[in-house]
C-alpha cells in the first residue's frame, strides 16, 4: 500500500473518527475488488486541488480549493450498470451474510463526506477504481481545529459488547470505545451475541448493536438479549430509520438510539447518559 501525505499547512475541518471510517471503508472495498488470494495494489494519496467552474459543475460542487484524498485499486472495476446506484442506501454487491464490505455500502461514506461539505468523484474501468474525496480547504482552518479540540469527550470504564457485522465499523467502534476507556468485546451478528451472553457474558455493562444485520434482525436480537439479562443496557445504531421504528425499539427496551455516523464526542455522551440511568 502506498501512502502520500499532503502539505501540513493545508487544513480541512473534519471529525477524525469519521474520516478514518471513510478511508478504511474505501480501502476494504478496494481489497475486495482485487479479490482474495490475488495480487494487486491499493494506493491512498492526498493532494491540493483547485476546482474550476467546469469541473465543479460536473460534480455539482462549488468552485474553489480542496484537499483531495484518493483511494485507488487495481481490481476489476465497477460495472457501468450499477455505478449510479453505489451510493444508494442499502445497496450492496456482497452476498447476504458476507462478513466483508461496508455497513450501508458506500451510502455512509457519501453521508459523511457531505457532512464535511465535500464531494466524491468516481473513476472506474476494468483496470481498477479510484474514489476521490474532495474536502474544502479552510482559510480559518487553524481556529476551527482548535474549536474541534475543545469538543467535550466523557471517558468511562466498563465492558461493552459491540454487535456489528461489518468489519469497518467493528474496527472503528473498538478504537473509539478504547480511547474512551472501555474494554470491548465483539460479536459479528445477533446470534453470536446471544450465544456469547448465554455462555459467558464477560461482565458486559452495555451493548451497542446495529439494527440491520444478517441471520437475525436488530429488533429480534434486542428482545432476546433482554430475555437473557433484563438489566442489560442497550444502545441501537442505524444509518437510516424512521421515527416509528425508533419509538418501537425504545418501547422494547433499548435505552437509546443513535444514527450513524456518530462522532466520538457524541457517542461518549450517549454512553455516559445510559450508564448513569438507574
C-alpha atoms as a PDB file:
ATOM      1  CA  UNK A   1       0.000   0.000   0.000  1.00  0.00           C
ATOM      2  CA  UNK A   2       1.340   3.416  -0.978  1.00  0.00           C
ATOM      3  CA  UNK A   3       0.542   6.443   1.177  1.00  0.00           C
ATOM      4  CA  UNK A   4       1.402  10.051   0.343  1.00  0.00           C
ATOM      5  CA  UNK A   5       0.796  12.951   2.720  1.00  0.00           C
ATOM      6  CA  UNK A   6      -0.271  16.460   1.665  1.00  0.00           C
ATOM      7  CA  UNK A   7       1.187  19.786   2.786  1.00  0.00           C
ATOM      8  CA  UNK A   8       0.654  20.154   6.572  1.00  0.00           C
ATOM      9  CA  UNK A   9      -0.325  23.796   6.009  1.00  0.00           C
ATOM     10  CA  UNK A  10      -3.432  22.673   4.125  1.00  0.00           C
ATOM     11  CA  UNK A  11      -6.139  22.466   6.790  1.00  0.00           C
ATOM     12  CA  UNK A  12      -9.525  20.793   6.483  1.00  0.00           C
ATOM     13  CA  UNK A  13     -12.209  20.682   9.145  1.00  0.00           C
ATOM     14  CA  UNK A  14     -13.426  17.112   9.744  1.00  0.00           C
ATOM     15  CA  UNK A  15     -14.199  14.694  12.538  1.00  0.00           C
ATOM     16  CA  UNK A  16     -11.153  12.414  12.682  1.00  0.00           C
ATOM     17  CA  UNK A  17     -13.023   9.232  13.614  1.00  0.00           C
ATOM     18  CA  UNK A  18     -15.466   9.693  10.726  1.00  0.00           C
ATOM     19  CA  UNK A  19     -12.691  10.408   8.228  1.00  0.00           C
ATOM     20  CA  UNK A  20     -10.921   7.239   9.384  1.00  0.00           C
ATOM     21  CA  UNK A  21     -14.179   5.403   8.745  1.00  0.00           C
ATOM     22  CA  UNK A  22     -14.357   6.789   5.195  1.00  0.00           C
ATOM     23  CA  UNK A  23     -10.793   5.811   4.296  1.00  0.00           C
ATOM     24  CA  UNK A  24     -10.979   2.390   5.949  1.00  0.00           C
ATOM     25  CA  UNK A  25     -14.311   1.727   4.289  1.00  0.00           C
ATOM     26  CA  UNK A  26     -12.929   2.534   0.835  1.00  0.00           C
ATOM     27  CA  UNK A  27      -9.730   0.589   1.466  1.00  0.00           C
ATOM     28  CA  UNK A  28     -11.677  -2.557   2.429  1.00  0.00           C
ATOM     29  CA  UNK A  29     -13.820  -2.205  -0.677  1.00  0.00           C
ATOM     30  CA  UNK A  30     -10.633  -1.900  -2.725  1.00  0.00           C
ATOM     31  CA  UNK A  31      -9.294  -5.085  -1.143  1.00  0.00           C
ATOM     32  CA  UNK A  32     -12.499  -6.925  -2.023  1.00  0.00           C
ATOM     33  CA  UNK A  33     -12.346  -5.612  -5.601  1.00  0.00           C
ATOM     34  CA  UNK A  34      -8.884  -7.110  -6.034  1.00  0.00           C
ATOM     35  CA  UNK A  35     -10.107 -10.439  -4.662  1.00  0.00           C
ATOM     36  CA  UNK A  36      -8.847 -12.953  -2.114  1.00  0.00           C
ATOM     37  CA  UNK A  37      -5.529 -14.529  -2.947  1.00  0.00           C
ATOM     38  CA  UNK A  38      -4.839 -12.176  -5.861  1.00  0.00           C
ATOM     39  CA  UNK A  39      -2.010  -9.684  -6.128  1.00  0.00           C
ATOM     40  CA  UNK A  40      -2.854  -6.035  -6.604  1.00  0.00           C
ATOM     41  CA  UNK A  41      -2.132  -2.505  -5.473  1.00  0.00           C
ATOM     42  CA  UNK A  42      -4.137  -0.223  -3.195  1.00  0.00           C
ATOM     43  CA  UNK A  43      -2.954   3.394  -3.174  1.00  0.00           C
ATOM     44  CA  UNK A  44      -4.002   6.131  -0.751  1.00  0.00           C
ATOM     45  CA  UNK A  45      -2.792   9.621  -1.625  1.00  0.00           C
ATOM     46  CA  UNK A  46      -3.622  13.259  -0.959  1.00  0.00           C
ATOM     47  CA  UNK A  47      -3.020  16.490  -2.836  1.00  0.00           C
ATOM     48  CA  UNK A  48      -4.285  20.044  -3.100  1.00  0.00           C
ATOM     49  CA  UNK A  49      -6.770  20.500  -5.927  1.00  0.00           C
ATOM     50  CA  UNK A  50      -8.418  23.568  -7.401  1.00  0.00           C
ATOM     51  CA  UNK A  51     -11.864  23.034  -8.915  1.00  0.00           C
ATOM     52  CA  UNK A  52     -12.632  25.393 -11.753  1.00  0.00           C
ATOM     53  CA  UNK A  53     -16.149  26.168 -12.896  1.00  0.00           C
ATOM     54  CA  UNK A  54     -16.308  23.342 -15.492  1.00  0.00           C
ATOM     55  CA  UNK A  55     -15.056  20.575 -13.198  1.00  0.00           C
ATOM     56  CA  UNK A  56     -17.163  21.881 -10.323  1.00  0.00           C
ATOM     57  CA  UNK A  57     -20.319  21.730 -12.439  1.00  0.00           C
ATOM     58  CA  UNK A  58     -19.604  18.096 -13.343  1.00  0.00           C
ATOM     59  CA  UNK A  59     -19.548  17.240  -9.617  1.00  0.00           C
ATOM     60  CA  UNK A  60     -22.346  19.681  -8.732  1.00  0.00           C
ATOM     61  CA  UNK A  61     -19.729  21.253  -6.487  1.00  0.00           C
ATOM     62  CA  UNK A  62     -18.665  24.766  -5.531  1.00  0.00           C
ATOM     63  CA  UNK A  63     -15.563  26.042  -7.341  1.00  0.00           C
ATOM     64  CA  UNK A  64     -12.605  26.570  -5.053  1.00  0.00           C
ATOM     65  CA  UNK A  65      -9.625  24.989  -3.306  1.00  0.00           C
ATOM     66  CA  UNK A  66      -9.872  21.474  -1.902  1.00  0.00           C
ATOM     67  CA  UNK A  67      -7.833  18.712  -0.367  1.00  0.00           C
ATOM     68  CA  UNK A  68      -8.283  15.582  -2.453  1.00  0.00           C
ATOM     69  CA  UNK A  69      -7.974  12.181  -0.762  1.00  0.00           C
ATOM     70  CA  UNK A  70      -7.788   9.336  -3.284  1.00  0.00           C
ATOM     71  CA  UNK A  71      -8.211   5.609  -2.699  1.00  0.00           C
ATOM     72  CA  UNK A  72      -7.321   3.544  -5.781  1.00  0.00           C
ATOM     73  CA  UNK A  73      -7.117  -0.152  -6.560  1.00  0.00           C
ATOM     74  CA  UNK A  74      -6.146  -2.374  -9.473  1.00  0.00           C
ATOM     75  CA  UNK A  75      -9.250  -4.523  -9.163  1.00  0.00           C
ATOM     76  CA  UNK A  76     -11.909  -5.420 -11.694  1.00  0.00           C
ATOM     77  CA  UNK A  77     -13.717  -2.088 -11.577  1.00  0.00           C
ATOM     78  CA  UNK A  78     -17.397  -1.256 -11.002  1.00  0.00           C
ATOM     79  CA  UNK A  79     -19.847  -2.314 -13.760  1.00  0.00           C
ATOM     80  CA  UNK A  80     -21.414   0.635 -15.565  1.00  0.00           C
ATOM     81  CA  UNK A  81     -24.956  -0.601 -14.882  1.00  0.00           C
ATOM     82  CA  UNK A  82     -24.591  -0.152 -11.114  1.00  0.00           C
ATOM     83  CA  UNK A  83     -22.411   2.964 -10.966  1.00  0.00           C
ATOM     84  CA  UNK A  84     -25.432   5.235 -10.474  1.00  0.00           C
ATOM     85  CA  UNK A  85     -26.595   3.124  -7.520  1.00  0.00           C
ATOM     86  CA  UNK A  86     -23.462   2.576  -5.453  1.00  0.00           C
ATOM     87  CA  UNK A  87     -24.232   5.481  -3.107  1.00  0.00           C
ATOM     88  CA  UNK A  88     -27.855   4.379  -2.564  1.00  0.00           C
ATOM     89  CA  UNK A  89     -28.731   3.288   0.985  1.00  0.00           C
ATOM     90  CA  UNK A  90     -28.705  -0.491   1.500  1.00  0.00           C
ATOM     91  CA  UNK A  91     -27.309  -1.160  -1.986  1.00  0.00           C
ATOM     92  CA  UNK A  92     -24.587  -3.806  -1.942  1.00  0.00           C
ATOM     93  CA  UNK A  93     -22.982  -6.300  -4.283  1.00  0.00           C
ATOM     94  CA  UNK A  94     -21.994  -8.547  -1.378  1.00  0.00           C
ATOM     95  CA  UNK A  95     -23.809 -11.825  -0.792  1.00  0.00           C
ATOM     96  CA  UNK A  96     -26.152 -11.981   2.179  1.00  0.00           C
ATOM     97  CA  UNK A  97     -24.307 -12.708   5.385  1.00  0.00           C
ATOM     98  CA  UNK A  98     -20.891 -11.956   3.894  1.00  0.00           C
ATOM     99  CA  UNK A  99     -18.512 -10.736   6.582  1.00  0.00           C
ATOM    100  CA  UNK A 100     -16.824  -8.098   4.470  1.00  0.00           C
ATOM    101  CA  UNK A 101     -17.675  -4.890   2.729  1.00  0.00           C
ATOM    102  CA  UNK A 102     -19.299  -1.862   4.308  1.00  0.00           C
ATOM    103  CA  UNK A 103     -22.218  -1.262   6.629  1.00  0.00           C
ATOM    104  CA  UNK A 104     -24.539   0.611   4.323  1.00  0.00           C
ATOM    105  CA  UNK A 105     -22.411   0.176   1.221  1.00  0.00           C
ATOM    106  CA  UNK A 106     -20.972   3.494   0.089  1.00  0.00           C
ATOM    107  CA  UNK A 107     -24.007   5.414   1.317  1.00  0.00           C
ATOM    108  CA  UNK A 108     -22.417   6.006   4.708  1.00  0.00           C
ATOM    109  CA  UNK A 109     -19.224   7.282   3.042  1.00  0.00           C
ATOM    110  CA  UNK A 110     -21.324   9.642   0.934  1.00  0.00           C
ATOM    111  CA  UNK A 111     -23.213  10.875   4.001  1.00  0.00           C
ATOM    112  CA  UNK A 112     -20.036  11.606   5.976  1.00  0.00           C
ATOM    113  CA  UNK A 113     -18.376  13.427   3.087  1.00  0.00           C
ATOM    114  CA  UNK A 114     -21.489  15.560   2.505  1.00  0.00           C
ATOM    115  CA  UNK A 115     -21.494  16.476   6.194  1.00  0.00           C
ATOM    116  CA  UNK A 116     -17.970  17.834   5.662  1.00  0.00           C
ATOM    117  CA  UNK A 117     -19.292  19.963   2.742  1.00  0.00           C
ATOM    118  CA  UNK A 118     -17.317  17.685   0.448  1.00  0.00           C
ATOM    119  CA  UNK A 119     -17.823  15.716  -2.749  1.00  0.00           C
ATOM    120  CA  UNK A 120     -16.975  12.280  -4.167  1.00  0.00           C
ATOM    121  CA  UNK A 121     -15.642  11.636  -7.638  1.00  0.00           C
ATOM    122  CA  UNK A 122     -15.580   8.117  -9.116  1.00  0.00           C
ATOM    123  CA  UNK A 123     -13.279   6.882 -11.879  1.00  0.00           C
ATOM    124  CA  UNK A 124     -13.535   3.196 -12.748  1.00  0.00           C
ATOM    125  CA  UNK A 125     -12.663   0.772 -15.528  1.00  0.00           C
ATOM    126  CA  UNK A 126     -11.733  -2.884 -15.913  1.00  0.00           C
ATOM    127  CA  UNK A 127      -8.225  -1.912 -14.787  1.00  0.00           C
ATOM    128  CA  UNK A 128      -9.298  -0.544 -11.439  1.00  0.00           C
ATOM    129  CA  UNK A 129     -11.254   2.045  -9.473  1.00  0.00           C
ATOM    130  CA  UNK A 130     -10.414   5.380  -7.873  1.00  0.00           C
ATOM    131  CA  UNK A 131     -12.570   7.238  -5.381  1.00  0.00           C
ATOM    132  CA  UNK A 132     -11.561  10.874  -4.896  1.00  0.00           C
ATOM    133  CA  UNK A 133     -12.833  12.605  -1.769  1.00  0.00           C
ATOM    134  CA  UNK A 134     -12.792  16.405  -2.029  1.00  0.00           C
ATOM    135  CA  UNK A 135     -12.903  18.396   1.214  1.00  0.00           C
ATOM    136  CA  UNK A 136     -12.794  22.215   1.047  1.00  0.00           C
ATOM    137  CA  UNK A 137      -9.727  23.948   2.444  1.00  0.00           C
ATOM    138  CA  UNK A 138     -10.410  26.327   5.295  1.00  0.00           C
ATOM    139  CA  UNK A 139      -8.790  29.757   5.386  1.00  0.00           C
ATOM    140  CA  UNK A 140      -9.642  29.939   9.056  1.00  0.00           C
ATOM    141  CA  UNK A 141      -8.815  26.264   9.497  1.00  0.00           C
ATOM    142  CA  UNK A 142      -6.480  26.603  12.493  1.00  0.00           C
ATOM    143  CA  UNK A 143      -9.151  28.342  14.568  1.00  0.00           C
ATOM    144  CA  UNK A 144     -11.762  25.739  13.619  1.00  0.00           C
ATOM    145  CA  UNK A 145      -9.454  22.868  14.574  1.00  0.00           C
ATOM    146  CA  UNK A 146      -8.993  24.482  17.986  1.00  0.00           C
ATOM    147  CA  UNK A 147     -12.780  24.586  18.367  1.00  0.00           C
ATOM    148  CA  UNK A 148     -12.978  20.905  17.451  1.00  0.00           C
ATOM    149  CA  UNK A 149     -10.358  20.001  20.043  1.00  0.00           C
ATOM    150  CA  UNK A 150     -12.488  21.716  22.671  1.00  0.00           C
ATOM    151  CA  UNK A 151     -15.433  19.416  21.924  1.00  0.00           C
ATOM    152  CA  UNK A 152     -16.111  17.578  25.159  1.00  0.00           C
ATOM    153  CA  UNK A 153     -15.432  13.869  25.451  1.00  0.00           C
ATOM    154  CA  UNK A 154     -16.605  11.937  28.508  1.00  0.00           C
ATOM    155  CA  UNK A 155     -14.418   8.954  29.380  1.00  0.00           C
ATOM    156  CA  UNK A 156     -15.603   5.992  31.399  1.00  0.00           C
ATOM    157  CA  UNK A 157     -14.909   2.396  32.336  1.00  0.00           C
ATOM    158  CA  UNK A 158     -16.583  -0.971  31.956  1.00  0.00           C
ATOM    159  CA  UNK A 159     -17.024  -3.610  29.305  1.00  0.00           C
ATOM    160  CA  UNK A 160     -19.090  -3.014  26.160  1.00  0.00           C
ATOM    161  CA  UNK A 161     -20.290  -5.616  23.686  1.00  0.00           C
ATOM    162  CA  UNK A 162     -20.395  -4.306  20.113  1.00  0.00           C
ATOM    163  CA  UNK A 163     -22.743  -6.262  17.832  1.00  0.00           C
ATOM    164  CA  UNK A 164     -21.869  -5.288  14.254  1.00  0.00           C
ATOM    165  CA  UNK A 165     -21.490  -7.431  11.147  1.00  0.00           C
ATOM    166  CA  UNK A 166     -19.306  -5.004   9.214  1.00  0.00           C
ATOM    167  CA  UNK A 167     -15.559  -5.165   9.794  1.00  0.00           C
ATOM    168  CA  UNK A 168     -15.103  -1.476   9.051  1.00  0.00           C
ATOM    169  CA  UNK A 169     -17.454  -0.386  11.813  1.00  0.00           C
ATOM    170  CA  UNK A 170     -16.228  -3.058  14.217  1.00  0.00           C
ATOM    171  CA  UNK A 171     -12.704  -1.662  13.978  1.00  0.00           C
ATOM    172  CA  UNK A 172     -13.855   1.935  14.222  1.00  0.00           C
ATOM    173  CA  UNK A 173     -16.094   1.375  17.258  1.00  0.00           C
ATOM    174  CA  UNK A 174     -13.438  -0.703  19.003  1.00  0.00           C
ATOM    175  CA  UNK A 175     -10.908   2.108  18.556  1.00  0.00           C
ATOM    176  CA  UNK A 176     -13.342   4.839  19.603  1.00  0.00           C
ATOM    177  CA  UNK A 177     -14.502   2.977  22.697  1.00  0.00           C
ATOM    178  CA  UNK A 178     -10.934   2.063  23.608  1.00  0.00           C
ATOM    179  CA  UNK A 179      -9.996   5.748  23.506  1.00  0.00           C
ATOM    180  CA  UNK A 180     -12.901   6.446  25.839  1.00  0.00           C
ATOM    181  CA  UNK A 181     -11.555   3.939  28.382  1.00  0.00           C
ATOM    182  CA  UNK A 182     -13.848   0.957  27.783  1.00  0.00           C
ATOM    183  CA  UNK A 183     -12.991  -2.699  27.260  1.00  0.00           C
ATOM    184  CA  UNK A 184     -14.632  -4.047  24.112  1.00  0.00           C
ATOM    185  CA  UNK A 185     -15.967  -7.451  23.089  1.00  0.00           C
ATOM    186  CA  UNK A 186     -17.115  -8.040  19.509  1.00  0.00           C
ATOM    187  CA  UNK A 187     -19.941 -10.101  18.024  1.00  0.00           C
ATOM    188  CA  UNK A 188     -20.498 -10.359  14.287  1.00  0.00           C
ATOM    189  CA  UNK A 189     -24.289 -10.739  14.421  1.00  0.00           C
ATOM    190  CA  UNK A 190     -27.226 -11.139  16.782  1.00  0.00           C
ATOM    191  CA  UNK A 191     -26.948 -14.914  17.101  1.00  0.00           C
ATOM    192  CA  UNK A 192     -23.282 -14.672  18.050  1.00  0.00           C
ATOM    193  CA  UNK A 193     -24.105 -12.028  20.656  1.00  0.00           C
ATOM    194  CA  UNK A 194     -26.853 -14.199  22.171  1.00  0.00           C
ATOM    195  CA  UNK A 195     -24.589 -17.249  22.387  1.00  0.00           C
ATOM    196  CA  UNK A 196     -21.841 -15.169  23.933  1.00  0.00           C
ATOM    197  CA  UNK A 197     -24.193 -13.745  26.543  1.00  0.00           C
ATOM    198  CA  UNK A 198     -25.600 -17.204  27.366  1.00  0.00           C
ATOM    199  CA  UNK A 199     -22.243 -18.908  27.835  1.00  0.00           C
ATOM    200  CA  UNK A 200     -20.165 -16.169  29.413  1.00  0.00           C
ATOM    201  CA  UNK A 201     -21.232 -12.576  29.391  1.00  0.00           C
ATOM    202  CA  UNK A 202     -17.732 -11.248  30.289  1.00  0.00           C
ATOM    203  CA  UNK A 203     -19.311  -8.876  32.791  1.00  0.00           C
ATOM    204  CA  UNK A 204     -20.896  -6.872  29.990  1.00  0.00           C
ATOM    205  CA  UNK A 205     -22.178  -3.497  31.187  1.00  0.00           C
ATOM    206  CA  UNK A 206     -23.571  -2.260  27.908  1.00  0.00           C
ATOM    207  CA  UNK A 207     -24.425  -3.466  24.392  1.00  0.00           C
ATOM    208  CA  UNK A 208     -24.086  -1.285  21.307  1.00  0.00           C
ATOM    209  CA  UNK A 209     -25.753  -3.025  18.386  1.00  0.00           C
ATOM    210  CA  UNK A 210     -26.536  -2.396  14.748  1.00  0.00           C
ATOM    211  CA  UNK A 211     -30.142  -2.541  13.605  1.00  0.00           C
ATOM    212  CA  UNK A 212     -29.632  -4.176  10.193  1.00  0.00           C
ATOM    213  CA  UNK A 213     -27.716  -7.442  10.485  1.00  0.00           C
ATOM    214  CA  UNK A 214     -27.675 -10.820   8.744  1.00  0.00           C
ATOM    215  CA  UNK A 215     -29.083 -14.016  10.327  1.00  0.00           C
ATOM    216  CA  UNK A 216     -31.158 -12.110  12.898  1.00  0.00           C
ATOM    217  CA  UNK A 217     -32.589  -8.600  12.724  1.00  0.00           C
ATOM    218  CA  UNK A 218     -31.857  -5.979  15.324  1.00  0.00           C
ATOM    219  CA  UNK A 219     -35.315  -5.944  16.872  1.00  0.00           C
ATOM    220  CA  UNK A 220     -35.331  -9.688  17.486  1.00  0.00           C
ATOM    221  CA  UNK A 221     -31.766  -9.527  18.798  1.00  0.00           C
ATOM    222  CA  UNK A 222     -32.765  -6.792  21.244  1.00  0.00           C
ATOM    223  CA  UNK A 223     -35.736  -8.800  22.527  1.00  0.00           C
ATOM    224  CA  UNK A 224     -33.711 -11.993  23.005  1.00  0.00           C
ATOM    225  CA  UNK A 225     -30.785 -10.251  24.683  1.00  0.00           C
ATOM    226  CA  UNK A 226     -33.137  -8.663  27.235  1.00  0.00           C
ATOM    227  CA  UNK A 227     -34.738 -12.053  27.916  1.00  0.00           C
ATOM    228  CA  UNK A 228     -31.334 -13.364  28.911  1.00  0.00           C
ATOM    229  CA  UNK A 229     -30.459 -10.317  31.015  1.00  0.00           C
ATOM    230  CA  UNK A 230     -33.314  -7.953  31.796  1.00  0.00           C
ATOM    231  CA  UNK A 231     -30.887  -5.436  33.341  1.00  0.00           C
ATOM    232  CA  UNK A 232     -28.853  -5.126  30.152  1.00  0.00           C
ATOM    233  CA  UNK A 233     -28.371  -1.609  28.822  1.00  0.00           C
ATOM    234  CA  UNK A 234     -28.649  -1.469  25.028  1.00  0.00           C
ATOM    235  CA  UNK A 235     -27.901   1.293  22.541  1.00  0.00           C
ATOM    236  CA  UNK A 236     -29.141   0.728  18.983  1.00  0.00           C
ATOM    237  CA  UNK A 237     -27.310   2.216  15.986  1.00  0.00           C
ATOM    238  CA  UNK A 238     -28.512   2.628  12.424  1.00  0.00           C
ATOM    239  CA  UNK A 239     -27.765   4.680   9.350  1.00  0.00           C
ATOM    240  CA  UNK A 240     -31.383   5.056   8.249  1.00  0.00           C
ATOM    241  CA  UNK A 241     -34.526   4.554  10.278  1.00  0.00           C
ATOM    242  CA  UNK A 242     -37.924   6.181  10.667  1.00  0.00           C
ATOM    243  CA  UNK A 243     -39.416   7.681  13.822  1.00  0.00           C
ATOM    244  CA  UNK A 244     -41.872   4.790  14.188  1.00  0.00           C
ATOM    245  CA  UNK A 245     -39.088   2.198  14.290  1.00  0.00           C
ATOM    246  CA  UNK A 246     -37.099   4.255  16.776  1.00  0.00           C
ATOM    247  CA  UNK A 247     -40.117   4.581  19.073  1.00  0.00           C
ATOM    248  CA  UNK A 248     -40.810   0.846  18.842  1.00  0.00           C
ATOM    249  CA  UNK A 249     -37.196  -0.034  19.753  1.00  0.00           C
ATOM    250  CA  UNK A 250     -37.269   2.234  22.775  1.00  0.00           C
ATOM    251  CA  UNK A 251     -40.549   0.654  23.937  1.00  0.00           C
ATOM    252  CA  UNK A 252     -38.996  -2.797  23.550  1.00  0.00           C
ATOM    253  CA  UNK A 253     -36.235  -1.903  25.969  1.00  0.00           C
ATOM    254  CA  UNK A 254     -33.472  -0.068  24.109  1.00  0.00           C
ATOM    255  CA  UNK A 255     -32.183   2.792  26.261  1.00  0.00           C
ATOM    256  CA  UNK A 256     -31.001   4.980  23.398  1.00  0.00           C
ATOM    257  CA  UNK A 257     -30.962   5.170  19.631  1.00  0.00           C
ATOM    258  CA  UNK A 258     -28.149   6.812  17.674  1.00  0.00           C
ATOM    259  CA  UNK A 259     -27.794   7.457  13.972  1.00  0.00           C
ATOM    260  CA  UNK A 260     -24.670   6.581  12.011  1.00  0.00           C
ATOM    261  CA  UNK A 261     -22.245   8.159  11.501  1.00  0.00           C
ATOM    262  CA  UNK A 262     -21.553   9.431  15.031  1.00  0.00           C
ATOM    263  CA  UNK A 263     -18.617  11.367  16.428  1.00  0.00           C
ATOM    264  CA  UNK A 264     -16.581  10.076  19.356  1.00  0.00           C
ATOM    265  CA  UNK A 265     -17.798  13.033  21.445  1.00  0.00           C
ATOM    266  CA  UNK A 266     -21.476  12.349  20.746  1.00  0.00           C
ATOM    267  CA  UNK A 267     -21.005   8.630  21.382  1.00  0.00           C
ATOM    268  CA  UNK A 268     -19.289   9.317  24.698  1.00  0.00           C
ATOM    269  CA  UNK A 269     -22.207  11.478  25.847  1.00  0.00           C
ATOM    270  CA  UNK A 270     -24.815   8.862  24.892  1.00  0.00           C
ATOM    271  CA  UNK A 271     -22.915   6.117  26.719  1.00  0.00           C
ATOM    272  CA  UNK A 272     -22.456   8.302  29.793  1.00  0.00           C
ATOM    273  CA  UNK A 273     -26.176   9.123  29.890  1.00  0.00           C
ATOM    274  CA  UNK A 274     -27.216   5.475  29.515  1.00  0.00           C
ATOM    275  CA  UNK A 275     -24.727   4.236  32.110  1.00  0.00           C
ATOM    276  CA  UNK A 276     -25.966   6.834  34.620  1.00  0.00           C
ATOM    277  CA  UNK A 277     -29.628   5.868  34.350  1.00  0.00           C
ATOM    278  CA  UNK A 278     -30.990   4.000  37.354  1.00  0.00           C
END
